[in-house]
Amino acid sequence: MSTITAKEVNELRTRTGAGMMDCKKALTEAEGDFEKAIELLRKKGQKVSDSRSDRDAKEGSVFARTTENGTKGYMIELNCETDFVAKNDEFQAFGNSIIEAVTAAGASDPETAKTLSINGKTIADHLIDYMGKIGEKIDIRKCKEVQAQQVIAYIHPGARLGVLVGFNNTDGVDTATVGKDVAMQIAAMSPIAIDRDGVDANTVEKEIEIGKEQARLEGKPEAMLEKIALGKLNKFYKENTLLEQDFVKDSSKSIGQYLKEVKPELSVIRFERVQLGN
């Protein structure tokens, strides 16, 4: 059996990113054959992936980018099992390389994202290799896209929460400032829709029924239940739709009023909010 040198181990580590001991073990088992050693390391990654498929990977980071012209934005949630791995520089670099590939290709779902290539290898294969290296489940749980005249990407400190928000009619508007204000509003208040027209009909029906039942339990007359429930629904809209929410930086106005003050025609046409583990 040939002696495995430190130079060979380091070369394999450079090519695969695997740990020194894993590289030495793979080269020893492969009797110095680099391609066979790489295959052994990949098999180890697949084995870890299979063995941890039922594990909860709720730690990780959210990454976001916009295209150079700002008309498209992309966001991913890259998960791992522990906060220790999530904060690792290599994990962060891996996430940044994925979001760059996603943004360049225009991927809008996790499965498509995994088919993209980084340095000649699919992201799916990189995920398997990385799992073999660190021994944790690593996966892309979410991949979102927003298109508009101007898209703003915001990552909340800690990278556990991110927002994409798309604006139209932005000519003459300082979108960097307004965009950050609105994105931070979405991050803090988690609206379910832009306005009441965007609220799912089933949600509206459920809120009306809840309102009626609450009024009934309070002893209100049956004939008044519908009116009371609609009043409660209006409160629901104010608390849960972006344009009707109180502006967190100035509660004397709603987000809708704030946007009108900036420019009457300025509009939010879509947003995506990704929170780690949710």
Protein backbone atom coordinates (compact mmCIF):
# COMPACT_ATOMS: atom_id res chain seq x y z
CA MET A 1 0.00 0.00 0.00
CA SER A 2 1.34 3.42 -1.01
CA THR A 3 2.05 6.02 1.65
CA ILE A 4 -0.41 8.94 1.63
CA THR A 5 1.45 12.23 1.86
CA ALA A 6 0.27 15.43 3.52
CA LYS A 7 0.46 17.12 0.11
CA GLU A 8 -2.00 14.62 -1.36
CA VAL A 9 -4.34 14.99 1.59
CA ASN A 10 -4.27 18.77 1.25
CA GLU A 11 -4.89 18.56 -2.51
CA LEU A 12 -7.95 16.36 -1.97
CA ARG A 13 -9.16 18.72 0.75
CA THR A 14 -8.80 21.66 -1.65
CA ARG A 15 -10.76 19.84 -4.36
CA THR A 16 -13.57 18.57 -2.13
CA GLY A 17 -13.70 20.84 0.93
CA ALA A 18 -13.80 17.75 3.16
CA GLY A 19 -11.94 17.57 6.48
CA MET A 20 -8.28 16.55 6.65
CA MET A 21 -8.94 13.27 8.47
CA ASP A 22 -11.78 12.35 6.10
CA CYS A 23 -9.52 13.05 3.12
CA LYS A 24 -6.69 10.96 4.54
CA LYS A 25 -9.06 8.09 5.30
CA ALA A 26 -10.60 8.23 1.82
CA LEU A 27 -7.19 8.32 0.09
CA THR A 28 -5.96 5.43 2.22
CA GLU A 29 -9.04 3.36 1.39
CA ALA A 30 -8.69 4.28 -2.29
CA GLU A 31 -4.96 3.43 -2.21
CA GLY A 32 -4.05 6.91 -3.44
CA ASP A 33 -6.58 7.00 -6.31
CA PHE A 34 -7.94 10.56 -6.22
CA GLU A 35 -11.09 9.91 -8.24
CA LYS A 36 -11.97 6.89 -6.14
CA ALA A 37 -11.32 8.91 -2.97
CA ILE A 38 -13.66 11.66 -4.19
CA GLU A 39 -16.32 9.02 -4.87
CA LEU A 40 -15.87 7.60 -1.37
CA LEU A 41 -16.30 11.07 0.16
CA ARG A 42 -19.48 11.62 -1.90
CA LYS A 43 -20.85 8.25 -0.79
CA LYS A 44 -20.21 9.28 2.80
CA GLY A 45 -22.19 12.47 2.16
CA GLN A 46 -25.07 10.51 0.65
CA LYS A 47 -25.02 8.13 3.62
CA VAL A 48 -25.24 11.06 6.04
CA SER A 49 -28.04 12.57 3.93
CA ASP A 50 -30.02 9.33 4.00
CA SER A 51 -29.46 8.70 7.71
CA ARG A 52 -30.55 12.23 8.68
CA SER A 53 -33.44 12.66 6.25
CA ASP A 54 -35.96 12.62 9.10
CA ARG A 55 -34.02 15.10 11.25
CA ASP A 56 -35.32 18.61 11.89
CA ALA A 57 -33.05 21.18 10.28
CA LYS A 58 -34.50 24.36 11.75
CA GLU A 59 -31.32 26.36 12.19
CA GLY A 60 -29.48 28.11 9.36
CA SER A 61 -29.64 31.48 7.64
CA VAL A 62 -31.70 33.48 5.18
CA PHE A 63 -29.91 34.93 2.15
CA ALA A 64 -31.27 37.51 -0.33
CA ARG A 65 -30.08 39.28 -3.47
CA THR A 66 -31.47 41.54 -6.17
CA THR A 67 -30.44 41.64 -9.81
CA GLU A 68 -28.12 44.43 -10.90
CA ASN A 69 -31.03 46.50 -12.30
CA GLY A 70 -33.10 45.90 -9.17
CA THR A 71 -36.17 44.57 -10.98
CA LYS A 72 -35.94 41.06 -9.51
CA GLY A 73 -35.16 39.79 -6.04
CA TYR A 74 -34.44 36.30 -4.73
CA MET A 75 -34.31 34.81 -1.26
CA ILE A 76 -33.45 31.38 0.13
CA GLU A 77 -33.63 29.70 3.52
CA LEU A 78 -30.62 27.41 3.92
CA ASN A 79 -31.10 25.08 6.86
CA CYS A 80 -28.83 23.04 9.10
CA GLU A 81 -29.34 21.35 12.45
CA THR A 82 -27.33 23.55 14.81
CA ASP A 83 -26.71 27.25 15.32
CA PHE A 84 -22.99 26.47 15.61
CA VAL A 85 -22.88 25.34 11.96
CA ALA A 86 -25.13 28.20 10.82
CA LYS A 87 -22.66 30.78 12.15
CA ASN A 88 -19.67 29.06 10.57
CA ASP A 89 -17.95 31.17 7.89
CA GLU A 90 -17.94 28.24 5.46
CA PHE A 91 -21.72 27.76 5.82
CA GLN A 92 -22.24 31.47 5.22
CA ALA A 93 -20.00 31.38 2.14
CA PHE A 94 -21.93 28.35 0.86
CA GLY A 95 -25.24 30.18 1.31
CA ASN A 96 -23.91 33.25 -0.49
CA SER A 97 -22.72 31.13 -3.42
CA ILE A 98 -26.17 29.52 -3.66
CA ILE A 99 -28.10 32.81 -3.63
CA GLU A 100 -25.73 34.20 -6.28
CA ALA A 101 -26.44 31.19 -8.52
CA VAL A 102 -30.18 31.45 -7.84
CA THR A 103 -30.21 35.15 -8.69
CA ALA A 104 -28.20 34.66 -11.88
CA ALA A 105 -30.47 31.85 -13.08
CA GLY A 106 -33.79 33.24 -11.83
CA ALA A 107 -34.77 30.17 -9.81
CA SER A 108 -37.96 30.52 -7.78
CA ASP A 109 -38.33 27.18 -5.96
CA PRO A 110 -35.98 24.90 -3.99
CA GLU A 111 -35.99 22.00 -6.45
CA THR A 112 -35.01 24.22 -9.37
CA ALA A 113 -32.34 25.85 -7.23
CA LYS A 114 -30.78 22.47 -6.50
CA THR A 115 -30.35 21.75 -10.21
CA LEU A 116 -28.15 24.83 -10.70
CA SER A 117 -24.40 24.48 -10.94
CA ILE A 118 -21.59 26.02 -8.88
CA ASN A 119 -18.08 25.35 -10.19
CA GLY A 120 -19.31 22.59 -12.49
CA LYS A 121 -21.27 20.67 -9.85
CA THR A 122 -24.97 20.89 -9.05
CA ILE A 123 -26.06 22.50 -5.81
CA ALA A 124 -27.75 19.19 -4.92
CA ASP A 125 -24.36 17.47 -5.11
CA HIS A 126 -22.72 20.26 -3.11
CA LEU A 127 -25.38 19.76 -0.41
CA ILE A 128 -24.60 16.04 -0.22
CA ASP A 129 -20.86 16.69 -0.06
CA TYR A 130 -21.29 19.28 2.67
CA MET A 131 -23.47 16.92 4.71
CA GLY A 132 -20.71 14.32 4.54
CA LYS A 133 -18.21 16.89 5.70
CA ILE A 134 -20.07 18.29 8.72
CA GLY A 135 -22.36 15.37 9.59
CA GLU A 136 -25.55 17.47 9.69
CA LYS A 137 -28.59 17.67 7.46
CA ILE A 138 -28.28 20.67 5.11
CA ASP A 139 -31.12 21.69 2.82
CA ILE A 140 -32.69 24.57 0.92
CA ARG A 141 -36.14 24.82 2.49
CA LYS A 142 -37.46 27.91 0.70
CA CYS A 143 -36.62 29.82 -2.47
CA LYS A 144 -38.63 32.96 -3.31
CA GLU A 145 -38.75 35.44 -6.17
CA VAL A 146 -40.26 38.94 -6.46
CA GLN A 147 -40.42 40.97 -9.69
CA ALA A 148 -41.36 44.65 -9.90
CA GLN A 149 -40.12 48.01 -11.19
CA GLN A 150 -37.90 48.10 -8.10
CA VAL A 151 -37.26 45.28 -5.62
CA ILE A 152 -35.65 45.81 -2.22
CA ALA A 153 -34.02 42.97 -0.28
CA TYR A 154 -33.68 43.18 3.50
CA ILE A 155 -31.99 40.74 5.89
CA HIS A 156 -32.73 41.34 9.57
CA PRO A 157 -29.66 41.28 11.88
CA GLY A 158 -28.82 37.68 12.71
CA ALA A 159 -29.93 36.49 9.24
CA ARG A 160 -32.85 34.51 10.65
CA LEU A 161 -35.42 36.66 8.85
CA GLY A 162 -35.51 38.21 5.40
CA VAL A 163 -37.89 40.24 3.24
CA LEU A 164 -38.26 41.00 -0.45
CA VAL A 165 -40.63 43.83 -1.37
CA GLY A 166 -41.52 44.95 -4.89
CA PHE A 167 -42.62 48.49 -5.80
CA ASN A 168 -44.14 50.00 -8.94
CA ASN A 169 -44.30 53.68 -9.96
CA THR A 170 -40.97 54.40 -8.33
CA ASP A 171 -39.71 57.17 -10.63
CA GLY A 172 -38.31 59.99 -8.50
CA VAL A 173 -38.59 57.97 -5.29
CA ASP A 174 -35.73 57.22 -2.89
CA THR A 175 -36.50 53.51 -2.99
CA ALA A 176 -33.55 52.61 -0.77
CA THR A 177 -35.08 54.51 2.17
CA VAL A 178 -38.74 53.73 1.50
CA GLY A 179 -37.92 50.14 0.65
CA LYS A 180 -36.07 49.58 3.91
CA ASP A 181 -38.90 51.20 5.89
CA VAL A 182 -41.51 48.94 4.30
CA ALA A 183 -39.31 45.84 4.47
CA MET A 184 -38.66 46.41 8.19
CA GLN A 185 -42.42 46.87 8.69
CA ILE A 186 -43.05 43.50 7.03
CA ALA A 187 -40.27 41.90 9.09
CA ALA A 188 -41.66 43.28 12.37
CA MET A 189 -45.42 42.99 11.80
CA SER A 190 -45.69 39.95 9.49
CA PRO A 191 -48.70 41.05 7.38
CA ILE A 192 -50.58 38.28 5.57
CA ALA A 193 -51.39 40.39 2.49
CA ILE A 194 -50.77 43.81 0.93
CA ASP A 195 -54.41 44.91 1.38
CA ARG A 196 -57.78 43.42 2.25
CA ASP A 197 -58.36 42.33 -1.36
CA GLY A 198 -55.38 40.02 -1.01
CA VAL A 199 -56.72 38.16 2.03
CA ASP A 200 -57.83 34.63 1.23
CA ALA A 201 -61.63 34.19 1.18
CA ASN A 202 -61.42 31.24 3.58
CA THR A 203 -59.54 33.40 6.08
CA VAL A 204 -62.20 36.13 5.82
CA GLU A 205 -64.99 33.60 6.36
CA LYS A 206 -63.19 32.11 9.35
CA GLU A 207 -62.64 35.53 10.95
CA ILE A 208 -66.33 36.41 10.51
CA GLU A 209 -67.36 33.15 12.18
CA ILE A 210 -64.91 33.75 15.03
CA GLY A 211 -66.28 37.27 15.45
CA LYS A 212 -69.86 36.01 15.59
CA GLU A 213 -69.01 33.33 18.13
CA GLN A 214 -67.16 35.81 20.34
CA ALA A 215 -70.13 38.19 20.24
CA ARG A 216 -72.52 35.32 20.95
CA LEU A 217 -70.49 34.29 24.01
CA GLU A 218 -70.61 37.91 25.18
CA GLY A 219 -74.41 37.67 25.13
CA LYS A 220 -74.99 39.98 22.15
CA PRO A 221 -78.36 39.74 20.36
CA GLU A 222 -78.40 37.30 17.43
CA ALA A 223 -79.52 40.07 15.07
CA MET A 224 -76.38 42.08 15.89
CA LEU A 225 -73.84 39.28 15.38
CA GLU A 226 -73.15 39.95 11.69
CA LYS A 227 -72.54 43.67 12.24
CA ILE A 228 -70.29 43.02 15.23
CA ALA A 229 -68.35 40.38 13.33
CA LEU A 230 -67.76 42.76 10.41
CA GLY A 231 -66.43 45.35 12.86
CA LYS A 232 -64.00 42.78 14.22
CA LEU A 233 -63.04 41.89 10.64
CA ASN A 234 -62.08 45.52 9.97
CA LYS A 235 -59.82 45.38 13.02
CA PHE A 236 -58.31 42.17 11.64
CA TYR A 237 -57.55 43.92 8.35
CA LYS A 238 -55.93 46.83 10.17
CA GLU A 239 -53.67 44.51 12.14
CA ASN A 240 -52.83 42.05 9.36
CA THR A 241 -52.72 43.81 5.99
CA LEU A 242 -49.63 45.84 5.13
CA LEU A 243 -51.25 49.04 3.85
CA GLU A 244 -53.64 49.29 6.81
CA GLN A 245 -51.09 48.53 9.52
CA ASP A 246 -49.84 51.39 11.67
CA PHE A 247 -46.39 52.43 10.50
CA VAL A 248 -43.99 51.14 13.16
CA LYS A 249 -41.79 54.26 12.84
CA ASP A 250 -44.76 56.64 13.16
CA SER A 251 -48.01 55.18 14.51
CA SER A 252 -49.92 58.35 13.61
CA LYS A 253 -50.17 57.05 10.05
CA SER A 254 -50.68 53.76 8.23
CA ILE A 255 -48.21 52.31 5.75
CA GLY A 256 -50.66 53.22 2.99
CA GLN A 257 -50.67 56.84 4.12
CA TYR A 258 -46.89 56.86 4.40
CA LEU A 259 -46.52 55.65 0.80
CA LYS A 260 -48.99 58.27 -0.46
CA GLU A 261 -46.98 60.99 1.25
CA VAL A 262 -43.86 59.79 -0.56
CA LYS A 263 -45.65 59.61 -3.92
CA PRO A 264 -49.39 59.12 -4.50
CA GLU A 265 -48.83 56.59 -7.28
CA LEU A 266 -46.20 54.54 -5.41
CA SER A 267 -47.45 51.00 -4.81
CA VAL A 268 -46.34 47.73 -3.27
CA ILE A 269 -47.25 44.94 -5.66
CA ARG A 270 -45.76 41.94 -3.87
CA PHE A 271 -43.69 40.91 -0.89
CA GLU A 272 -42.14 37.73 0.49
CA ARG A 273 -41.18 37.19 4.11
CA VAL A 274 -39.02 34.23 5.14
CA GLN A 275 -38.40 33.45 8.78
CA LEU A 276 -36.05 30.66 9.79
CA GLY A 277 -37.91 27.50 10.78
CA ASN A 278 -41.41 28.84 9.98
